[in-house]
Amino acid sequence: MAPTTVAARPAPSDDKRWRQVDVRMRRLGYRPDGLIEVLHTAQEAFGYLDDEALHYIGDCLGVPPSMVYGVATFYSHFTLEPQGEHTCVVCTGTACYINGAGALVKELEARLGAHPGETTADGKVSVLAARCLGACSMAPAVVVDGEVYGKVGPERLLGILEEL
């Protein structure tokens, strides 16, 4: 059940993107079971989920902060930090790992200085790891700016990133 004061609760700022989040919550009836959808909407609007967004969404939906944070950190789609200009997601699922995903992650760490979950110092590339991309036949697989690449070795990955 949604809190009775939801309608009177102001958005964290006058940023127009909060309207998208508010509309989504209203359409879902401010129900706690809409948490994942609302988090998706907020991340699409802002690019990431900061503490302010997590608290606001939790308050409006009547979900405790620990549960909101738990959901936001459980799903690899959500990010709590601003992302770089480009994203590089390395699949670390079993098939990909066996076929060399570990070497891809190590190469990115060595060349870019960013571990999974971090962004390079210049803000150009965010390095992420996913438990599974569902592209096991293409192992090891990576997603660079939304495009899936299969059977990627360290040199090919660096070439893809250099083209950006």
Protein backbone atom coordinates (compact mmCIF):
# COMPACT_ATOMS: atom_id res chain seq x y z
CA MET A 1 0.00 0.00 0.00
CA ALA A 2 1.37 3.42 -0.95
CA PRO A 3 1.91 6.12 1.65
CA THR A 4 -0.99 8.57 1.88
CA THR A 5 1.27 11.61 1.48
CA VAL A 6 2.74 10.55 -1.87
CA ALA A 7 0.91 13.12 -3.98
CA ALA A 8 2.19 16.00 -1.82
CA ARG A 9 5.81 14.79 -1.89
CA PRO A 10 7.91 17.15 -4.04
CA ALA A 11 10.54 15.85 -6.45
CA PRO A 12 14.14 16.22 -5.25
CA SER A 13 14.73 19.11 -7.67
CA ASP A 14 13.02 21.05 -10.43
CA ASP A 15 14.83 18.93 -13.04
CA LYS A 16 12.22 18.04 -15.67
CA ARG A 17 13.42 14.44 -15.79
CA TRP A 18 11.74 13.85 -12.44
CA ARG A 19 8.40 14.19 -14.26
CA GLN A 20 9.14 10.95 -16.12
CA VAL A 21 9.77 9.17 -12.84
CA ASP A 22 6.67 10.66 -11.22
CA VAL A 23 4.48 9.71 -14.20
CA ARG A 24 5.75 6.12 -14.05
CA MET A 25 5.04 5.87 -10.31
CA ARG A 26 1.57 7.37 -10.76
CA ARG A 27 0.75 4.92 -13.60
CA LEU A 28 1.85 2.05 -11.39
CA GLY A 29 -0.33 3.32 -8.56
CA TYR A 30 2.63 4.05 -6.27
CA ARG A 31 2.75 0.32 -5.48
CA PRO A 32 5.92 -1.24 -4.07
CA ASP A 33 5.83 -3.97 -6.72
CA GLY A 34 6.59 -1.30 -9.34
CA LEU A 35 10.05 -0.68 -7.88
CA ILE A 36 12.07 -2.24 -10.70
CA GLU A 37 10.10 -0.42 -13.40
CA VAL A 38 10.50 2.90 -11.62
CA LEU A 39 14.24 2.32 -11.14
CA HIS A 40 14.52 1.61 -14.88
CA THR A 41 12.69 4.84 -15.65
CA ALA A 42 14.95 6.85 -13.33
CA GLN A 43 18.10 5.29 -14.77
CA GLU A 44 16.93 5.98 -18.34
CA ALA A 45 16.20 9.58 -17.39
CA PHE A 46 19.38 10.34 -15.41
CA GLY A 47 21.86 7.72 -16.65
CA TYR A 48 22.42 6.29 -13.18
CA LEU A 49 20.77 6.01 -9.77
CA ASP A 50 22.18 8.22 -7.03
CA ASP A 51 21.26 8.18 -3.33
CA GLU A 52 18.76 10.98 -3.82
CA ALA A 53 16.88 9.00 -6.49
CA LEU A 54 16.91 5.79 -4.45
CA HIS A 55 15.51 7.54 -1.37
CA TYR A 56 12.87 9.49 -3.29
CA ILE A 57 11.63 6.40 -5.14
CA GLY A 58 11.61 4.32 -1.96
CA ASP A 59 9.70 7.00 -0.04
CA CYS A 60 7.11 7.37 -2.79
CA LEU A 61 6.57 3.64 -3.18
CA GLY A 62 6.69 2.87 0.52
CA VAL A 63 9.74 0.62 0.12
CA PRO A 64 12.46 0.61 2.81
CA PRO A 65 15.83 2.09 1.74
CA SER A 66 17.60 -1.23 2.31
CA MET A 67 15.29 -2.99 -0.16
CA VAL A 68 15.62 -0.25 -2.79
CA TYR A 69 19.42 -0.38 -2.49
CA GLY A 70 19.35 -4.19 -2.54
CA VAL A 71 17.38 -4.26 -5.79
CA ALA A 72 19.53 -1.54 -7.37
CA THR A 73 22.75 -3.40 -6.56
CA PHE A 74 21.48 -6.90 -7.33
CA TYR A 75 20.64 -6.29 -10.97
CA SER A 76 23.65 -5.56 -13.15
CA HIS A 77 21.60 -3.25 -15.38
CA PHE A 78 21.46 -0.62 -12.66
CA THR A 79 24.41 1.60 -11.89
CA LEU A 80 24.93 3.89 -8.92
CA GLU A 81 27.65 5.99 -10.54
CA PRO A 82 27.62 8.21 -13.62
CA GLN A 83 28.78 6.27 -16.64
CA GLY A 84 31.46 7.23 -19.12
CA GLU A 85 30.84 8.34 -22.69
CA HIS A 86 31.09 4.70 -23.73
CA THR A 87 30.33 1.43 -21.94
CA CYS A 88 32.11 -1.88 -22.27
CA VAL A 89 30.34 -4.84 -20.68
CA VAL A 90 32.28 -8.10 -20.44
CA CYS A 91 30.26 -11.25 -19.94
CA THR A 92 31.76 -13.26 -17.09
CA GLY A 93 29.30 -16.16 -17.23
CA THR A 94 30.63 -19.71 -17.26
CA ALA A 95 30.93 -20.15 -21.05
CA CYS A 96 32.55 -16.74 -21.50
CA TYR A 97 34.85 -17.14 -18.54
CA ILE A 98 36.07 -20.54 -19.74
CA ASN A 99 36.71 -19.03 -23.18
CA GLY A 100 38.78 -16.09 -21.98
CA ALA A 101 36.61 -13.41 -20.35
CA GLY A 102 39.05 -13.26 -17.44
CA ALA A 103 41.82 -12.23 -19.82
CA LEU A 104 39.57 -9.54 -21.29
CA VAL A 105 38.90 -8.08 -17.85
CA LYS A 106 42.61 -8.15 -16.97
CA GLU A 107 43.52 -6.45 -20.25
CA LEU A 108 40.95 -3.69 -19.65
CA GLU A 109 42.28 -3.18 -16.12
CA ALA A 110 45.85 -2.98 -17.37
CA ARG A 111 45.24 -0.76 -20.42
CA LEU A 112 42.44 1.47 -19.16
CA GLY A 113 43.15 1.47 -15.44
CA ALA A 114 39.51 0.68 -14.67
CA HIS A 115 38.15 -2.43 -12.97
CA PRO A 116 34.60 -3.69 -13.56
CA GLY A 117 32.20 -1.15 -12.10
CA GLU A 118 34.60 1.75 -12.66
CA THR A 119 35.01 4.46 -15.24
CA THR A 120 38.34 5.56 -16.69
CA ALA A 121 39.87 8.69 -15.16
CA ASP A 122 39.10 10.68 -18.32
CA GLY A 123 35.42 9.67 -18.19
CA LYS A 124 35.56 8.03 -21.61
CA VAL A 125 34.85 4.35 -20.86
CA SER A 126 32.91 2.57 -18.14
CA VAL A 127 33.97 -1.04 -17.65
CA LEU A 128 31.21 -3.36 -16.49
CA ALA A 129 30.86 -7.08 -15.95
CA ALA A 130 27.66 -9.07 -16.46
CA ARG A 131 26.92 -12.50 -15.10
CA CYS A 132 25.48 -13.60 -18.45
CA LEU A 133 24.59 -11.87 -21.71
CA GLY A 134 22.77 -14.90 -23.12
CA ALA A 135 25.27 -15.14 -25.98
CA CYS A 136 27.05 -18.29 -24.86
CA SER A 137 27.60 -19.57 -28.41
CA MET A 138 29.62 -16.39 -29.05
CA ALA A 139 31.82 -16.75 -25.95
CA PRO A 140 33.58 -14.69 -24.88
CA ALA A 141 31.06 -11.95 -25.57
CA VAL A 142 31.17 -8.22 -24.86
CA VAL A 143 28.74 -5.37 -25.39
CA VAL A 144 30.24 -2.04 -26.39
CA ASP A 145 27.79 0.86 -26.50
CA GLY A 146 24.89 -1.56 -26.91
CA GLU A 147 26.44 -3.61 -29.72
CA VAL A 148 27.22 -7.28 -29.02
CA TYR A 149 30.55 -8.69 -30.18
CA GLY A 150 31.36 -12.39 -30.01
CA LYS A 151 34.48 -14.51 -29.84
CA VAL A 152 36.43 -11.48 -28.70
CA GLY A 153 40.08 -11.65 -27.71
CA PRO A 154 42.01 -8.94 -25.87
CA GLU A 155 43.49 -7.39 -29.03
CA ARG A 156 40.13 -7.26 -30.83
CA LEU A 157 38.48 -5.69 -27.78
CA LEU A 158 41.13 -2.99 -27.59
CA GLY A 159 40.69 -2.37 -31.32
CA ILE A 160 36.95 -1.93 -30.88
CA LEU A 161 37.51 0.52 -28.04
CA GLU A 162 40.16 2.45 -30.00
CA GLU A 163 37.68 2.96 -32.85
CA LEU A 164 35.44 4.88 -30.44
